[in-house]
Amino acid sequence: MQVLVRDNNVDQALRALKKKMQREGIFREMKMRDFFEKPSEKRAREKAEAVRRVRKLARKKMQREGLLPAARGR
């Protein structure tokens, strides 16, 4: 991963790097690798993530079609 430092502004480059790492999920993966995860726990987590992802996509689709009001905030 690479970030350009412009005008010797390291703080801005560091913020950009952290944002890229957050988007890529590197922090989450590092946290997951800290401790051993039992295979049954891994399956349950992955299934829950898949359910969350599917529900989010369905919610977004319904919002686009006008069946649900648009999300507030953010």
C-alpha atoms as a PDB file:
ATOM      1  CA  MET A   1       0.000   0.000   0.000  1.00  0.00           C
ATOM      2  CA  GLN A   2       1.386   3.375  -0.939  1.00  0.00           C
ATOM      3  CA  VAL A   3       0.550   6.970   0.021  1.00  0.00           C
ATOM      4  CA  LEU A   4       2.174  10.088  -1.354  1.00  0.00           C
ATOM      5  CA  VAL A   5       3.477  12.748   1.043  1.00  0.00           C
ATOM      6  CA  ARG A   6       2.851  16.213  -0.365  1.00  0.00           C
ATOM      7  CA  ASP A   7       4.595  19.356   0.919  1.00  0.00           C
ATOM      8  CA  ASN A   8       6.171  17.379   3.783  1.00  0.00           C
ATOM      9  CA  ASN A   9       2.713  16.963   5.302  1.00  0.00           C
ATOM     10  CA  VAL A  10       3.158  13.610   7.052  1.00  0.00           C
ATOM     11  CA  ASP A  11      -0.005  13.989   9.143  1.00  0.00           C
ATOM     12  CA  GLN A  12      -2.177  14.192   6.044  1.00  0.00           C
ATOM     13  CA  ALA A  13      -0.407  11.196   4.490  1.00  0.00           C
ATOM     14  CA  LEU A  14      -0.850   9.193   7.697  1.00  0.00           C
ATOM     15  CA  ARG A  15      -4.580   9.989   7.723  1.00  0.00           C
ATOM     16  CA  ALA A  16      -4.848   8.870   4.090  1.00  0.00           C
ATOM     17  CA  LEU A  17      -2.985   5.634   4.882  1.00  0.00           C
ATOM     18  CA  LYS A  18      -5.240   4.858   7.839  1.00  0.00           C
ATOM     19  CA  LYS A  19      -8.317   5.491   5.706  1.00  0.00           C
ATOM     20  CA  LYS A  20      -7.031   3.140   2.985  1.00  0.00           C
ATOM     21  CA  MET A  21      -6.247   0.450   5.561  1.00  0.00           C
ATOM     22  CA  GLN A  22      -9.703   0.834   7.099  1.00  0.00           C
ATOM     23  CA  ARG A  23     -11.371   0.438   3.699  1.00  0.00           C
ATOM     24  CA  GLU A  24      -9.309  -2.649   2.895  1.00  0.00           C
ATOM     25  CA  GLY A  25     -10.206  -4.234   6.244  1.00  0.00           C
ATOM     26  CA  ILE A  26      -6.602  -4.593   7.393  1.00  0.00           C
ATOM     27  CA  PHE A  27      -7.305  -3.417  10.952  1.00  0.00           C
ATOM     28  CA  ARG A  28     -10.159  -5.898  11.271  1.00  0.00           C
ATOM     29  CA  GLU A  29      -8.009  -8.738   9.971  1.00  0.00           C
ATOM     30  CA  MET A  30      -5.168  -7.876  12.354  1.00  0.00           C
ATOM     31  CA  LYS A  31      -7.612  -7.919  15.243  1.00  0.00           C
ATOM     32  CA  MET A  32      -8.987 -11.294  14.097  1.00  0.00           C
ATOM     33  CA  ARG A  33      -5.490 -12.817  13.908  1.00  0.00           C
ATOM     34  CA  ASP A  34      -4.589 -11.780  17.467  1.00  0.00           C
ATOM     35  CA  PHE A  35      -6.362 -14.796  18.946  1.00  0.00           C
ATOM     36  CA  PHE A  36      -7.197 -18.259  17.720  1.00  0.00           C
ATOM     37  CA  GLU A  37     -10.748 -18.585  16.449  1.00  0.00           C
ATOM     38  CA  LYS A  38     -12.378 -21.978  16.702  1.00  0.00           C
ATOM     39  CA  PRO A  39     -13.665 -23.309  13.366  1.00  0.00           C
ATOM     40  CA  SER A  40     -17.260 -23.340  14.664  1.00  0.00           C
ATOM     41  CA  GLU A  41     -16.943 -19.683  15.722  1.00  0.00           C
ATOM     42  CA  LYS A  42     -15.446 -18.805  12.341  1.00  0.00           C
ATOM     43  CA  ARG A  43     -18.361 -20.435  10.505  1.00  0.00           C
ATOM     44  CA  ALA A  44     -20.884 -18.628  12.710  1.00  0.00           C
ATOM     45  CA  ARG A  45     -19.138 -15.273  12.192  1.00  0.00           C
ATOM     46  CA  GLU A  46     -18.892 -15.694   8.427  1.00  0.00           C
ATOM     47  CA  LYS A  47     -22.550 -16.728   8.211  1.00  0.00           C
ATOM     48  CA  ALA A  48     -23.604 -13.691  10.259  1.00  0.00           C
ATOM     49  CA  GLU A  49     -21.495 -11.428   8.020  1.00  0.00           C
ATOM     50  CA  ALA A  50     -23.112 -12.924   4.917  1.00  0.00           C
ATOM     51  CA  VAL A  51     -26.605 -12.397   6.338  1.00  0.00           C
ATOM     52  CA  ARG A  52     -25.732  -8.790   7.224  1.00  0.00           C
ATOM     53  CA  ARG A  53     -24.364  -8.202   3.713  1.00  0.00           C
ATOM     54  CA  VAL A  54     -27.472  -9.662   2.017  1.00  0.00           C
ATOM     55  CA  ARG A  55     -29.833  -7.629   4.194  1.00  0.00           C
ATOM     56  CA  LYS A  56     -27.889  -4.461   3.502  1.00  0.00           C
ATOM     57  CA  LEU A  57     -28.026  -5.057  -0.262  1.00  0.00           C
ATOM     58  CA  ALA A  58     -31.773  -5.763  -0.080  1.00  0.00           C
ATOM     59  CA  ARG A  59     -32.327  -2.589   1.964  1.00  0.00           C
ATOM     60  CA  LYS A  60     -30.342  -0.500  -0.533  1.00  0.00           C
ATOM     61  CA  LYS A  61     -32.298  -2.004  -3.447  1.00  0.00           C
ATOM     62  CA  MET A  62     -35.628  -1.254  -1.780  1.00  0.00           C
ATOM     63  CA  GLN A  63     -34.517   2.322  -1.124  1.00  0.00           C
ATOM     64  CA  ARG A  64     -33.555   2.768  -4.776  1.00  0.00           C
ATOM     65  CA  GLU A  65     -36.945   1.439  -5.855  1.00  0.00           C
ATOM     66  CA  GLY A  66     -38.687   3.842  -3.478  1.00  0.00           C
ATOM     67  CA  LEU A  67     -40.231   1.169  -1.251  1.00  0.00           C
ATOM     68  CA  LEU A  68     -38.301   2.405   1.792  1.00  0.00           C
ATOM     69  CA  PRO A  69     -37.465   5.955   2.809  1.00  0.00           C
ATOM     70  CA  ALA A  70     -33.854   6.990   2.271  1.00  0.00           C
ATOM     71  CA  ALA A  71     -31.481   6.488   5.185  1.00  0.00           C
ATOM     72  CA  ARG A  72     -30.892   9.468   7.449  1.00  0.00           C
ATOM     73  CA  GLY A  73     -27.538  10.684   8.755  1.00  0.00           C
ATOM     74  CA  ARG A  74     -24.047   9.911   7.571  1.00  0.00           C
END
